[in-house]
Amino acid sequence: MHATLRVLAARVHQPLINFPGKRSWPSTTPHAHPAAPPEFQQRYSGVAAVSSDVGKSTSKSVVSEFWEAPDRFWRPRIRELEESEIDAVLSGGASLQ
């Protein structure tokens, strides 16, 4: 019985998938597909240049509390629901009849 335990302890589970090295994603700049039309490649290169310039900007306004956020985060573009709409949703549509 003890010999069986030693044999089983010696056999360690070997996963079928091997992951070589650490997980690291290479940092690449976004670019258009090589087979894309030339007008798209030109347009995309301009957008990529503008977005990279924005990312390097040092004057970012960071809020420390949520109430200091700009007004656009306080006033969502979602309209208020009416009472009849709420009843219709809660009743599964049965109140529409």
PDB file of N, CA and C in Angstrom:
ATOM      1  N   MET A   1       0.820  -1.177   0.000  1.00  0.00           N
ATOM      2  CA  MET A   1       0.000   0.000   0.000  1.00  0.00           C
ATOM      3  C   MET A   1       0.874   1.255   0.000  1.00  0.00           C
ATOM      4  N   HIS A   2       1.941   1.266   0.756  1.00  0.00           N
ATOM      5  CA  HIS A   2       2.822   2.426   0.781  1.00  0.00           C
ATOM      6  C   HIS A   2       3.563   2.586  -0.538  1.00  0.00           C
ATOM      7  N   ALA A   3       3.867   1.490  -1.210  1.00  0.00           N
ATOM      8  CA  ALA A   3       4.554   1.574  -2.501  1.00  0.00           C
ATOM      9  C   ALA A   3       3.656   2.265  -3.528  1.00  0.00           C
ATOM     10  N   THR A   4       2.373   1.986  -3.474  1.00  0.00           N
ATOM     11  CA  THR A   4       1.437   2.617  -4.405  1.00  0.00           C
ATOM     12  C   THR A   4       1.399   4.127  -4.190  1.00  0.00           C
ATOM     13  N   LEU A   5       1.406   4.552  -2.948  1.00  0.00           N
ATOM     14  CA  LEU A   5       1.398   5.979  -2.658  1.00  0.00           C
ATOM     15  C   LEU A   5       2.651   6.661  -3.199  1.00  0.00           C
ATOM     16  N   ARG A   6       3.816   5.981  -3.070  1.00  0.00           N
ATOM     17  CA  ARG A   6       5.056   6.559  -3.585  1.00  0.00           C
ATOM     18  C   ARG A   6       5.020   6.665  -5.102  1.00  0.00           C
ATOM     19  N   VAL A   7       4.467   5.689  -5.774  1.00  0.00           N
ATOM     20  CA  VAL A   7       4.377   5.717  -7.237  1.00  0.00           C
ATOM     21  C   VAL A   7       3.436   6.829  -7.675  1.00  0.00           C
ATOM     22  N   LEU A   8       2.301   6.950  -7.014  1.00  0.00           N
ATOM     23  CA  LEU A   8       1.346   7.992  -7.376  1.00  0.00           C
ATOM     24  C   LEU A   8       1.888   9.388  -7.061  1.00  0.00           C
ATOM     25  N   ALA A   9       2.645   9.515  -5.969  1.00  0.00           N
ATOM     26  CA  ALA A   9       3.208  10.808  -5.615  1.00  0.00           C
ATOM     27  C   ALA A   9       4.296  11.223  -6.603  1.00  0.00           C
ATOM     28  N   ALA A  10       4.993  10.267  -7.192  1.00  0.00           N
ATOM     29  CA  ALA A  10       6.056  10.578  -8.142  1.00  0.00           C
ATOM     30  C   ALA A  10       5.485  11.069  -9.466  1.00  0.00           C
ATOM     31  N   ARG A  11       4.297  10.617  -9.802  1.00  0.00           N
ATOM     32  CA  ARG A  11       3.688  11.024 -11.073  1.00  0.00           C
ATOM     33  C   ARG A  11       2.906  12.313 -10.846  1.00  0.00           C
ATOM     34  N   VAL A  12       3.424  13.409 -11.340  1.00  0.00           N
ATOM     35  CA  VAL A  12       2.782  14.706 -11.195  1.00  0.00           C
ATOM     36  C   VAL A  12       2.056  15.011 -12.491  1.00  0.00           C
ATOM     37  N   HIS A  13       0.914  15.648 -12.379  1.00  0.00           N
ATOM     38  CA  HIS A  13       0.121  15.974 -13.565  1.00  0.00           C
ATOM     39  C   HIS A  13       0.885  16.931 -14.469  1.00  0.00           C
ATOM     40  N   GLN A  14       1.058  16.547 -15.718  1.00  0.00           N
ATOM     41  CA  GLN A  14       1.716  17.390 -16.710  1.00  0.00           C
ATOM     42  C   GLN A  14       0.636  17.958 -17.629  1.00  0.00           C
ATOM     43  N   PRO A  15       0.421  19.281 -17.633  1.00  0.00           N
ATOM     44  CA  PRO A  15      -0.606  19.842 -18.505  1.00  0.00           C
ATOM     45  C   PRO A  15      -0.243  19.647 -19.975  1.00  0.00           C
ATOM     46  N   LEU A  16      -1.269  19.523 -20.806  1.00  0.00           N
ATOM     47  CA  LEU A  16      -1.040  19.310 -22.230  1.00  0.00           C
ATOM     48  C   LEU A  16      -0.660  20.598 -22.954  1.00  0.00           C
ATOM     49  N   ILE A  17      -0.963  21.733 -22.361  1.00  0.00           N
ATOM     50  CA  ILE A  17      -0.640  23.016 -22.979  1.00  0.00           C
ATOM     51  C   ILE A  17       0.597  23.576 -22.299  1.00  0.00           C
ATOM     52  N   ASN A  18       1.578  23.963 -23.094  1.00  0.00           N
ATOM     53  CA  ASN A  18       2.788  24.577 -22.554  1.00  0.00           C
ATOM     54  C   ASN A  18       2.793  26.057 -22.901  1.00  0.00           C
ATOM     55  N   PHE A  19       3.015  26.895 -21.913  1.00  0.00           N
ATOM     56  CA  PHE A  19       3.086  28.331 -22.113  1.00  0.00           C
ATOM     57  C   PHE A  19       4.541  28.758 -21.991  1.00  0.00           C
ATOM     58  N   PRO A  20       5.184  29.071 -23.097  1.00  0.00           N
ATOM     59  CA  PRO A  20       6.598  29.457 -23.023  1.00  0.00           C
ATOM     60  C   PRO A  20       6.759  30.894 -22.529  1.00  0.00           C
ATOM     61  N   GLY A  21       7.556  31.088 -21.530  1.00  0.00           N
ATOM     62  CA  GLY A  21       7.902  32.422 -21.056  1.00  0.00           C
ATOM     63  C   GLY A  21       6.770  33.149 -20.364  1.00  0.00           C
ATOM     64  N   LYS A  22       7.050  34.430 -20.050  1.00  0.00           N
ATOM     65  CA  LYS A  22       6.056  35.265 -19.393  1.00  0.00           C
ATOM     66  C   LYS A  22       5.103  35.833 -20.422  1.00  0.00           C
ATOM     67  N   ARG A  23       3.932  36.229 -19.960  1.00  0.00           N
ATOM     68  CA  ARG A  23       2.977  36.893 -20.845  1.00  0.00           C
ATOM     69  C   ARG A  23       3.434  38.324 -21.053  1.00  0.00           C
ATOM     70  N   SER A  24       3.724  38.662 -22.274  1.00  0.00           N
ATOM     71  CA  SER A  24       4.085  40.045 -22.572  1.00  0.00           C
ATOM     72  C   SER A  24       3.558  40.384 -23.950  1.00  0.00           C
ATOM     73  N   TRP A  25       2.868  41.504 -24.024  1.00  0.00           N
ATOM     74  CA  TRP A  25       2.314  41.959 -25.290  1.00  0.00           C
ATOM     75  C   TRP A  25       3.233  43.024 -25.854  1.00  0.00           C
ATOM     76  N   PRO A  26       3.673  42.850 -27.081  1.00  0.00           N
ATOM     77  CA  PRO A  26       4.547  43.869 -27.663  1.00  0.00           C
ATOM     78  C   PRO A  26       3.775  45.164 -27.893  1.00  0.00           C
ATOM     79  N   SER A  27       4.433  46.276 -27.624  1.00  0.00           N
ATOM     80  CA  SER A  27       3.775  47.559 -27.836  1.00  0.00           C
ATOM     81  C   SER A  27       3.940  47.951 -29.300  1.00  0.00           C
ATOM     82  N   THR A  28       2.837  47.959 -30.010  1.00  0.00           N
ATOM     83  CA  THR A  28       2.868  48.332 -31.418  1.00  0.00           C
ATOM     84  C   THR A  28       1.947  49.520 -31.621  1.00  0.00           C
ATOM     85  N   THR A  29       2.285  50.346 -32.575  1.00  0.00           N
ATOM     86  CA  THR A  29       1.417  51.468 -32.898  1.00  0.00           C
ATOM     87  C   THR A  29       0.308  50.970 -33.803  1.00  0.00           C
ATOM     88  N   PRO A  30      -0.910  51.442 -33.627  1.00  0.00           N
ATOM     89  CA  PRO A  30      -2.001  51.007 -34.484  1.00  0.00           C
ATOM     90  C   PRO A  30      -1.761  51.466 -35.917  1.00  0.00           C
ATOM     91  N   HIS A  31      -2.123  50.600 -36.853  1.00  0.00           N
ATOM     92  CA  HIS A  31      -1.941  50.926 -38.261  1.00  0.00           C
ATOM     93  C   HIS A  31      -3.044  50.275 -39.077  1.00  0.00           C
ATOM     94  N   ALA A  32      -3.213  50.773 -40.273  1.00  0.00           N
ATOM     95  CA  ALA A  32      -4.241  50.234 -41.164  1.00  0.00           C
ATOM     96  C   ALA A  32      -3.770  48.902 -41.743  1.00  0.00           C
ATOM     97  N   HIS A  33      -4.711  48.106 -42.183  1.00  0.00           N
ATOM     98  CA  HIS A  33      -4.395  46.832 -42.809  1.00  0.00           C
ATOM     99  C   HIS A  33      -3.650  47.091 -44.118  1.00  0.00           C
ATOM    100  N   PRO A  34      -2.646  46.281 -44.443  1.00  0.00           N
ATOM    101  CA  PRO A  34      -1.884  46.515 -45.670  1.00  0.00           C
ATOM    102  C   PRO A  34      -2.728  46.463 -46.937  1.00  0.00           C
ATOM    103  N   ALA A  35      -3.811  45.701 -46.929  1.00  0.00           N
ATOM    104  CA  ALA A  35      -4.647  45.585 -48.124  1.00  0.00           C
ATOM    105  C   ALA A  35      -5.757  46.630 -48.154  1.00  0.00           C
ATOM    106  N   ALA A  36      -5.769  47.550 -47.208  1.00  0.00           N
ATOM    107  CA  ALA A  36      -6.806  48.581 -47.172  1.00  0.00           C
ATOM    108  C   ALA A  36      -6.610  49.556 -48.330  1.00  0.00           C
ATOM    109  N   PRO A  37      -7.696  50.195 -48.775  1.00  0.00           N
ATOM    110  CA  PRO A  37      -7.562  51.182 -49.849  1.00  0.00           C
ATOM    111  C   PRO A  37      -6.638  52.325 -49.423  1.00  0.00           C
ATOM    112  N   PRO A  38      -5.942  52.933 -50.393  1.00  0.00           N
ATOM    113  CA  PRO A  38      -4.978  53.986 -50.044  1.00  0.00           C
ATOM    114  C   PRO A  38      -5.608  55.178 -49.323  1.00  0.00           C
ATOM    115  N   GLU A  39      -6.857  55.550 -49.683  1.00  0.00           N
ATOM    116  CA  GLU A  39      -7.466  56.696 -49.009  1.00  0.00           C
ATOM    117  C   GLU A  39      -7.731  56.397 -47.538  1.00  0.00           C
ATOM    118  N   PHE A  40      -8.049  55.130 -47.231  1.00  0.00           N
ATOM    119  CA  PHE A  40      -8.258  54.767 -45.833  1.00  0.00           C
ATOM    120  C   PHE A  40      -6.933  54.777 -45.080  1.00  0.00           C
ATOM    121  N   GLN A  41      -5.879  54.284 -45.705  1.00  0.00           N
ATOM    122  CA  GLN A  41      -4.580  54.275 -45.042  1.00  0.00           C
ATOM    123  C   GLN A  41      -4.119  55.692 -44.734  1.00  0.00           C
ATOM    124  N   GLN A  42      -4.338  56.628 -45.665  1.00  0.00           N
ATOM    125  CA  GLN A  42      -3.944  58.014 -45.418  1.00  0.00           C
ATOM    126  C   GLN A  42      -4.778  58.617 -44.292  1.00  0.00           C
ATOM    127  N   ARG A  43      -6.077  58.358 -44.321  1.00  0.00           N
ATOM    128  CA  ARG A  43      -6.957  58.897 -43.288  1.00  0.00           C
ATOM    129  C   ARG A  43      -6.608  58.298 -41.924  1.00  0.00           C
ATOM    130  N   TYR A  44      -6.320  57.007 -41.897  1.00  0.00           N
ATOM    131  CA  TYR A  44      -6.011  56.352 -40.642  1.00  0.00           C
ATOM    132  C   TYR A  44      -4.686  56.851 -40.085  1.00  0.00           C
ATOM    133  N   SER A  45      -3.702  57.088 -40.919  1.00  0.00           N
ATOM    134  CA  SER A  45      -2.418  57.551 -40.415  1.00  0.00           C
ATOM    135  C   SER A  45      -2.561  58.923 -39.768  1.00  0.00           C
ATOM    136  N   GLY A  46      -3.446  59.768 -40.310  1.00  0.00           N
ATOM    137  CA  GLY A  46      -3.680  61.072 -39.701  1.00  0.00           C
ATOM    138  C   GLY A  46      -4.358  60.948 -38.355  1.00  0.00           C
ATOM    139  N   VAL A  47      -5.327  60.055 -38.247  1.00  0.00           N
ATOM    140  CA  VAL A  47      -6.035  59.853 -36.981  1.00  0.00           C
ATOM    141  C   VAL A  47      -5.088  59.279 -35.936  1.00  0.00           C
ATOM    142  N   ALA A  48      -4.239  58.340 -36.343  1.00  0.00           N
ATOM    143  CA  ALA A  48      -3.303  57.742 -35.401  1.00  0.00           C
ATOM    144  C   ALA A  48      -2.314  58.779 -34.888  1.00  0.00           C
ATOM    145  N   ALA A  49      -1.883  59.703 -35.756  1.00  0.00           N
ATOM    146  CA  ALA A  49      -0.942  60.732 -35.325  1.00  0.00           C
ATOM    147  C   ALA A  49      -1.603  61.683 -34.334  1.00  0.00           C
ATOM    148  N   VAL A  50      -2.857  62.042 -34.580  1.00  0.00           N
ATOM    149  CA  VAL A  50      -3.567  62.942 -33.671  1.00  0.00           C
ATOM    150  C   VAL A  50      -3.788  62.273 -32.330  1.00  0.00           C
ATOM    151  N   SER A  51      -4.186  60.997 -32.329  1.00  0.00           N
ATOM    152  CA  SER A  51      -4.456  60.321 -31.070  1.00  0.00           C
ATOM    153  C   SER A  51      -3.183  60.120 -30.267  1.00  0.00           C
ATOM    154  N   SER A  52      -2.048  59.904 -30.932  1.00  0.00           N
ATOM    155  CA  SER A  52      -0.814  59.733 -30.182  1.00  0.00           C
ATOM    156  C   SER A  52      -0.366  61.052 -29.573  1.00  0.00           C
ATOM    157  N   ASP A  53      -0.632  62.191 -30.255  1.00  0.00           N
ATOM    158  CA  ASP A  53      -0.287  63.480 -29.690  1.00  0.00           C
ATOM    159  C   ASP A  53      -1.135  63.777 -28.461  1.00  0.00           C
ATOM    160  N   VAL A  54      -2.404  63.386 -28.507  1.00  0.00           N
ATOM    161  CA  VAL A  54      -3.284  63.625 -27.369  1.00  0.00           C
ATOM    162  C   VAL A  54      -2.815  62.815 -26.170  1.00  0.00           C
ATOM    163  N   GLY A  55      -2.348  61.595 -26.383  1.00  0.00           N
ATOM    164  CA  GLY A  55      -1.895  60.750 -25.291  1.00  0.00           C
ATOM    165  C   GLY A  55      -0.652  61.278 -24.608  1.00  0.00           C
ATOM    166  N   LYS A  56       0.167  62.051 -25.322  1.00  0.00           N
ATOM    167  CA  LYS A  56       1.397  62.567 -24.752  1.00  0.00           C
ATOM    168  C   LYS A  56       1.190  63.881 -24.017  1.00  0.00           C
ATOM    169  N   SER A  57      -0.014  64.387 -24.024  1.00  0.00           N
ATOM    170  CA  SER A  57      -0.298  65.663 -23.375  1.00  0.00           C
ATOM    171  C   SER A  57      -0.095  65.536 -21.871  1.00  0.00           C
ATOM    172  N   THR A  58       0.505  66.551 -21.274  1.00  0.00           N
ATOM    173  CA  THR A  58       0.758  66.501 -19.835  1.00  0.00           C
ATOM    174  C   THR A  58      -0.308  67.223 -19.036  1.00  0.00           C
ATOM    175  N   SER A  59      -1.144  68.019 -19.690  1.00  0.00           N
ATOM    176  CA  SER A  59      -2.161  68.778 -18.960  1.00  0.00           C
ATOM    177  C   SER A  59      -3.483  68.021 -18.965  1.00  0.00           C
ATOM    178  N   LYS A  60      -3.585  67.038 -18.111  1.00  0.00           N
ATOM    179  CA  LYS A  60      -4.819  66.267 -17.975  1.00  0.00           C
ATOM    180  C   LYS A  60      -5.499  66.687 -16.683  1.00  0.00           C
ATOM    181  N   SER A  61      -6.818  66.857 -16.743  1.00  0.00           N
ATOM    182  CA  SER A  61      -7.533  67.195 -15.523  1.00  0.00           C
ATOM    183  C   SER A  61      -8.059  65.905 -14.911  1.00  0.00           C
ATOM    184  N   VAL A  62      -7.603  65.616 -13.747  1.00  0.00           N
ATOM    185  CA  VAL A  62      -8.012  64.412 -13.041  1.00  0.00           C
ATOM    186  C   VAL A  62      -8.815  64.848 -11.829  1.00  0.00           C
ATOM    187  N   VAL A  63      -9.988  64.257 -11.673  1.00  0.00           N
ATOM    188  CA  VAL A  63     -10.824  64.602 -10.529  1.00  0.00           C
ATOM    189  C   VAL A  63     -10.584  63.587  -9.426  1.00  0.00           C
ATOM    190  N   SER A  64     -10.534  64.075  -8.208  1.00  0.00           N
ATOM    191  CA  SER A  64     -10.305  63.174  -7.087  1.00  0.00           C
ATOM    192  C   SER A  64     -11.620  62.661  -6.504  1.00  0.00           C
ATOM    193  N   GLU A  65     -12.705  63.405  -6.700  1.00  0.00           N
ATOM    194  CA  GLU A  65     -14.021  62.992  -6.218  1.00  0.00           C
ATOM    195  C   GLU A  65     -14.998  62.996  -7.380  1.00  0.00           C
ATOM    196  N   PHE A  66     -15.982  62.121  -7.337  1.00  0.00           N
ATOM    197  CA  PHE A  66     -16.878  61.982  -8.480  1.00  0.00           C
ATOM    198  C   PHE A  66     -17.726  63.228  -8.711  1.00  0.00           C
ATOM    199  N   TRP A  67     -18.007  64.016  -7.672  1.00  0.00           N
ATOM    200  CA  TRP A  67     -18.839  65.201  -7.861  1.00  0.00           C
ATOM    201  C   TRP A  67     -18.064  66.351  -8.512  1.00  0.00           C
ATOM    202  N   GLU A  68     -16.754  66.209  -8.644  1.00  0.00           N
ATOM    203  CA  GLU A  68     -15.965  67.220  -9.331  1.00  0.00           C
ATOM    204  C   GLU A  68     -15.890  66.968 -10.837  1.00  0.00           C
ATOM    205  N   ALA A  69     -16.532  65.924 -11.295  1.00  0.00           N
ATOM    206  CA  ALA A  69     -16.499  65.580 -12.719  1.00  0.00           C
ATOM    207  C   ALA A  69     -17.258  66.624 -13.533  1.00  0.00           C
ATOM    208  N   PRO A  70     -16.957  66.743 -14.825  1.00  0.00           N
ATOM    209  CA  PRO A  70     -17.664  67.711 -15.672  1.00  0.00           C
ATOM    210  C   PRO A  70     -19.159  67.414 -15.753  1.00  0.00           C
ATOM    211  N   ASP A  71     -19.918  68.439 -16.177  1.00  0.00           N
ATOM    212  CA  ASP A  71     -21.377  68.318 -16.228  1.00  0.00           C
ATOM    213  C   ASP A  71     -21.847  67.213 -17.159  1.00  0.00           C
ATOM    214  N   ARG A  72     -21.094  66.900 -18.197  1.00  0.00           N
ATOM    215  CA  ARG A  72     -21.560  65.881 -19.143  1.00  0.00           C
ATOM    216  C   ARG A  72     -21.707  64.508 -18.482  1.00  0.00           C
ATOM    217  N   PHE A  73     -21.031  64.293 -17.360  1.00  0.00           N
ATOM    218  CA  PHE A  73     -21.178  63.032 -16.647  1.00  0.00           C
ATOM    219  C   PHE A  73     -22.344  63.067 -15.669  1.00  0.00           C
ATOM    220  N   TRP A  74     -22.829  64.257 -15.353  1.00  0.00           N
ATOM    221  CA  TRP A  74     -23.943  64.394 -14.428  1.00  0.00           C
ATOM    222  C   TRP A  74     -25.280  64.397 -15.136  1.00  0.00           C
ATOM    223  N   ARG A  75     -25.316  64.829 -16.381  1.00  0.00           N
ATOM    224  CA  ARG A  75     -26.566  64.902 -17.131  1.00  0.00           C
ATOM    225  C   ARG A  75     -26.548  63.881 -18.262  1.00  0.00           C
ATOM    226  N   PRO A  76     -26.963  62.661 -17.992  1.00  0.00           N
ATOM    227  CA  PRO A  76     -26.956  61.664 -19.067  1.00  0.00           C
ATOM    228  C   PRO A  76     -27.985  62.010 -20.136  1.00  0.00           C
ATOM    229  N   ARG A  77     -27.778  61.490 -21.332  1.00  0.00           N
ATOM    230  CA  ARG A  77     -28.669  61.777 -22.451  1.00  0.00           C
ATOM    231  C   ARG A  77     -29.881  60.851 -22.473  1.00  0.00           C
ATOM    232  N   ILE A  78     -30.148  60.190 -21.384  1.00  0.00           N
ATOM    233  CA  ILE A  78     -31.284  59.275 -21.298  1.00  0.00           C
ATOM    234  C   ILE A  78     -32.485  60.055 -20.785  1.00  0.00           C
ATOM    235  N   ARG A  79     -33.609  59.913 -21.452  1.00  0.00           N
ATOM    236  CA  ARG A  79     -34.801  60.642 -21.020  1.00  0.00           C
ATOM    237  C   ARG A  79     -35.441  59.927 -19.835  1.00  0.00           C
ATOM    238  N   GLU A  80     -36.262  60.646 -19.114  1.00  0.00           N
ATOM    239  CA  GLU A  80     -36.958  60.085 -17.960  1.00  0.00           C
ATOM    240  C   GLU A  80     -38.061  59.145 -18.434  1.00  0.00           C
ATOM    241  N   LEU A  81     -38.247  58.048 -17.723  1.00  0.00           N
ATOM    242  CA  LEU A  81     -39.300  57.098 -18.063  1.00  0.00           C
ATOM    243  C   LEU A  81     -40.619  57.561 -17.461  1.00  0.00           C
ATOM    244  N   GLU A  82     -41.680  57.379 -18.216  1.00  0.00           N
ATOM    245  CA  GLU A  82     -43.005  57.712 -17.710  1.00  0.00           C
ATOM    246  C   GLU A  82     -43.529  56.551 -16.881  1.00  0.00           C
ATOM    247  N   GLU A  83     -44.519  56.840 -16.053  1.00  0.00           N
ATOM    248  CA  GLU A  83     -45.085  55.813 -15.173  1.00  0.00           C
ATOM    249  C   GLU A  83     -45.687  54.668 -15.978  1.00  0.00           C
ATOM    250  N   SER A  84     -46.327  54.971 -17.106  1.00  0.00           N
ATOM    251  CA  SER A  84     -46.933  53.916 -17.929  1.00  0.00           C
ATOM    252  C   SER A  84     -45.863  53.005 -18.531  1.00  0.00           C
ATOM    253  N   GLU A  85     -44.714  53.564 -18.881  1.00  0.00           N
ATOM    254  CA  GLU A  85     -43.628  52.746 -19.416  1.00  0.00           C
ATOM    255  C   GLU A  85     -43.057  51.826 -18.345  1.00  0.00           C
ATOM    256  N   ILE A  86     -42.933  52.341 -17.133  1.00  0.00           N
ATOM    257  CA  ILE A  86     -42.431  51.519 -16.034  1.00  0.00           C
ATOM    258  C   ILE A  86     -43.399  50.382 -15.742  1.00  0.00           C
ATOM    259  N   ASP A  87     -44.709  50.677 -15.726  1.00  0.00           N
ATOM    260  CA  ASP A  87     -45.710  49.634 -15.495  1.00  0.00           C
ATOM    261  C   ASP A  87     -45.667  48.580 -16.594  1.00  0.00           C
ATOM    262  N   ALA A  88     -45.476  49.004 -17.840  1.00  0.00           N
ATOM    263  CA  ALA A  88     -45.422  48.057 -18.951  1.00  0.00           C
ATOM    264  C   ALA A  88     -44.229  47.124 -18.816  1.00  0.00           C
ATOM    265  N   VAL A  89     -43.099  47.648 -18.399  1.00  0.00           N
ATOM    266  CA  VAL A  89     -41.908  46.815 -18.238  1.00  0.00           C
ATOM    267  C   VAL A  89     -42.079  45.861 -17.067  1.00  0.00           C
ATOM    268  N   LEU A  90     -42.586  46.361 -15.944  1.00  0.00           N
ATOM    269  CA  LEU A  90     -42.735  45.521 -14.760  1.00  0.00           C
ATOM    270  C   LEU A  90     -43.785  44.434 -14.939  1.00  0.00           C
ATOM    271  N   SER A  91     -44.813  44.712 -15.749  1.00  0.00           N
ATOM    272  CA  SER A  91     -45.853  43.704 -15.947  1.00  0.00           C
ATOM    273  C   SER A  91     -45.540  42.779 -17.117  1.00  0.00           C
ATOM    274  N   GLY A  92     -44.412  42.983 -17.769  1.00  0.00           N
ATOM    275  CA  GLY A  92     -44.057  42.127 -18.899  1.00  0.00           C
ATOM    276  C   GLY A  92     -44.859  42.449 -20.140  1.00  0.00           C
ATOM    277  N   GLY A  93     -45.411  43.628 -20.224  1.00  0.00           N
ATOM    278  CA  GLY A  93     -46.191  44.035 -21.383  1.00  0.00           C
ATOM    279  C   GLY A  93     -47.675  43.803 -21.230  1.00  0.00           C
ATOM    280  N   ALA A  94     -48.099  43.204 -20.111  1.00  0.00           N
ATOM    281  CA  ALA A  94     -49.516  42.904 -19.920  1.00  0.00           C
ATOM    282  C   ALA A  94     -50.337  44.168 -19.690  1.00  0.00           C
ATOM    283  N   SER A  95     -49.721  45.242 -19.207  1.00  0.00           N
ATOM    284  CA  SER A  95     -50.484  46.460 -18.935  1.00  0.00           C
ATOM    285  C   SER A  95     -50.727  47.280 -20.198  1.00  0.00           C
ATOM    286  N   LEU A  96     -50.148  46.882 -21.318  1.00  0.00           N
ATOM    287  CA  LEU A  96     -50.361  47.603 -22.572  1.00  0.00           C
ATOM    288  C   LEU A  96     -51.733  47.305 -23.160  1.00  0.00           C
ATOM    289  N   GLN A  97     -52.360  46.227 -22.732  1.00  0.00           N
ATOM    290  CA  GLN A  97     -53.631  45.785 -23.303  1.00  0.00           C
ATOM    291  C   GLN A  97     -54.770  46.660 -22.853  1.00  0.00           C
TER     292      GLN A  97
END
